[in-house]
Each structure stands twice: as structure tokens, then as C-alpha cells.
Amino acid sequence: QVQLVASGGGLVQPGGSLRLSCAASGFTFSTVSIRWYRQAAGKERELVAHISNTGGSTNYADSVKGRFTISRDNSKNTVYLQMNSLKPEDTAVYLCYVFRTFPRLDYWGQGTQVTVSL
């Protein structure tokens, strides 16, 4: 069965750092691209970061560029989101999403809460 387990969220002060993890199982991890999304209270879900199946290509939202880094360890079936210089506006539920265009595959993780506040 497919599982995506997100972890690493919590409460942090502005300027602090967190590293989120998303551990996957139930499929061939190295064949999928992965995205981190976030959804703040009362707002639409937005794309934060993307990484290709090999890890050779990454993309970031302008709001997090230079502060966040997405990476993956295919040997551990895990994707990471390193978040530095956190701001209150980064507060949201962060969700990992894995997908492949062919053969078609996509799954959402349950999300982990990040709160940036004094």
C-alpha cells in the first residue's frame, strides 16, 4: 500500500529553521517527481517547491527562493524541505505530493503544521 508520512513541523520563531521530511513507501520512489505545497488558514493551496525524479531539477516559489531547499534521498525513499530564515507568513500546513505522468501516478501526504511566531 502507498504511504506518505510527513514530519518535522512545529513552532519556531521568526528567523529560525526547520527541516521537513516526507517518507514514502508502496511504490518505486525513484520514478516519481515530488512537490511540497502549503496551505495557510483561509488561503488556497500553493506550490512551494518541486524536485524531479533524479533530483537534478528543482523549482521554487518566489516567496521562498533563497530560503528553502528541496532535496531527496532515493536510497531512503525520503524527500526533504529545509526551511531557513522563516517568516510568519510561512505559517501553514505543508504537504508533500508525489506524481508521475506515465504511467500515471499521484498521491498526497497528510501534511505537517509549521507555525512561525514569537
Protein backbone atom coordinates (compact mmCIF):
# COMPACT_ATOMS: atom_id res chain seq x y z
CA GLN A 1 0.00 0.00 0.00
CA VAL A 2 1.07 3.56 -0.69
CA GLN A 3 2.06 5.70 2.28
CA LEU A 4 3.42 9.23 2.55
CA VAL A 5 4.36 10.27 6.08
CA ALA A 6 5.25 13.91 6.62
CA SER A 7 7.08 15.06 9.72
CA GLY A 8 9.29 17.81 11.08
CA GLY A 9 6.78 20.58 11.54
CA GLY A 10 6.42 22.58 14.70
CA LEU A 11 6.57 26.01 16.30
CA VAL A 12 9.57 28.17 15.51
CA GLN A 13 10.49 31.83 15.96
CA PRO A 14 10.95 34.16 13.01
CA GLY A 15 14.41 33.71 11.57
CA GLY A 16 14.56 30.11 12.70
CA SER A 17 14.84 26.91 10.71
CA LEU A 18 13.01 23.63 10.28
CA ARG A 19 13.56 20.59 8.12
CA LEU A 20 10.50 18.75 6.90
CA SER A 21 10.62 15.14 5.78
CA CYS A 22 8.27 13.04 3.71
CA ALA A 23 8.90 9.32 3.84
CA ALA A 24 7.35 7.23 1.09
CA SER A 25 6.57 3.57 0.66
CA GLY A 26 4.49 1.32 -1.56
CA PHE A 27 5.87 2.39 -4.94
CA THR A 28 9.14 2.89 -6.77
CA PHE A 29 10.27 6.16 -5.27
CA SER A 30 12.96 6.95 -7.83
CA THR A 31 10.41 7.14 -10.66
CA VAL A 32 8.33 9.99 -9.24
CA SER A 33 8.66 13.73 -9.09
CA ILE A 34 7.81 15.38 -5.79
CA ARG A 35 6.37 18.70 -4.75
CA TRP A 36 5.89 20.46 -1.47
CA TYR A 37 2.72 22.50 -1.17
CA ARG A 38 1.47 24.62 1.67
CA GLN A 39 -1.93 25.83 2.70
CA ALA A 40 -2.40 28.61 5.20
CA ALA A 41 -5.66 29.12 7.03
CA GLY A 42 -8.18 30.78 4.76
CA LYS A 43 -5.92 30.64 1.72
CA GLU A 44 -5.61 28.45 -1.33
CA ARG A 45 -3.02 25.74 -1.52
CA GLU A 46 0.16 26.94 -3.19
CA LEU A 47 3.16 25.23 -4.70
CA VAL A 48 6.32 25.79 -2.69
CA ALA A 49 8.98 23.59 -4.29
CA HIS A 50 9.45 20.91 -6.91
CA ILE A 51 12.10 18.28 -7.48
CA SER A 52 12.47 15.86 -10.37
CA ASN A 53 12.74 12.10 -10.03
CA THR A 54 16.53 12.17 -10.14
CA GLY A 55 16.88 15.30 -8.07
CA GLY A 56 18.59 17.04 -10.95
CA SER A 57 15.97 19.73 -11.41
CA THR A 58 14.37 21.92 -8.74
CA ASN A 59 12.00 24.88 -8.75
CA TYR A 60 10.78 27.21 -6.02
CA ALA A 61 8.10 29.75 -5.43
CA ASP A 62 9.47 33.27 -5.48
CA SER A 63 8.37 33.76 -1.89
CA VAL A 64 10.73 31.05 -0.62
CA LYS A 65 13.57 31.20 -3.12
CA GLY A 66 16.90 31.52 -1.38
CA ARG A 67 15.45 30.38 1.94
CA PHE A 68 14.06 26.90 1.24
CA THR A 69 15.83 23.92 -0.30
CA ILE A 70 14.15 20.77 -1.55
CA SER A 71 16.16 17.57 -1.78
CA ARG A 72 15.65 13.84 -1.91
CA ASP A 73 17.42 10.68 -0.91
CA ASN A 74 16.16 7.91 -3.15
CA SER A 75 18.01 5.30 -1.12
CA LYS A 76 15.88 6.29 1.87
CA ASN A 77 12.67 6.95 -0.08
CA THR A 78 12.53 10.38 1.52
CA VAL A 79 12.17 13.96 0.35
CA TYR A 80 13.18 16.94 2.47
CA LEU A 81 12.37 20.61 2.67
CA GLN A 82 14.99 22.63 4.51
CA MET A 83 13.43 25.92 5.60
CA ASN A 84 15.68 28.73 6.79
CA SER A 85 15.03 32.34 7.73
CA LEU A 86 11.43 31.53 8.45
CA LYS A 87 8.83 34.27 8.43
CA PRO A 88 5.37 34.44 9.99
CA GLU A 89 3.87 34.27 6.50
CA ASP A 90 5.40 30.80 6.12
CA THR A 91 2.90 29.52 8.66
CA ALA A 92 0.85 26.79 7.00
CA VAL A 93 0.22 23.10 6.70
CA TYR A 94 2.91 21.69 4.45
CA LEU A 95 2.05 18.73 2.26
CA CYS A 96 4.14 16.51 0.05
CA TYR A 97 2.80 15.33 -3.29
CA VAL A 98 4.34 12.63 -5.46
CA PHE A 99 3.46 12.18 -9.10
CA ARG A 100 4.43 10.62 -12.39
CA THR A 101 2.92 11.33 -15.79
CA PHE A 102 3.49 7.92 -17.31
CA PRO A 103 2.43 5.53 -16.06
CA ARG A 104 0.06 7.84 -14.27
CA LEU A 105 0.55 8.05 -10.52
CA ASP A 106 -0.12 10.65 -7.86
CA TYR A 107 -0.50 10.68 -4.08
CA TRP A 108 -0.84 13.28 -1.36
CA GLY A 109 0.65 13.10 2.09
CA GLN A 110 -1.32 14.17 5.15
CA GLY A 111 0.71 17.29 5.87
CA THR A 112 2.60 18.71 8.82
CA GLN A 113 1.93 22.01 10.57
CA VAL A 114 4.54 24.77 10.55
CA THR A 115 3.93 27.78 12.76
CA VAL A 116 6.31 30.75 12.76
CA SER A 117 5.60 33.09 15.62
CA LEU A 118 7.13 34.87 18.57
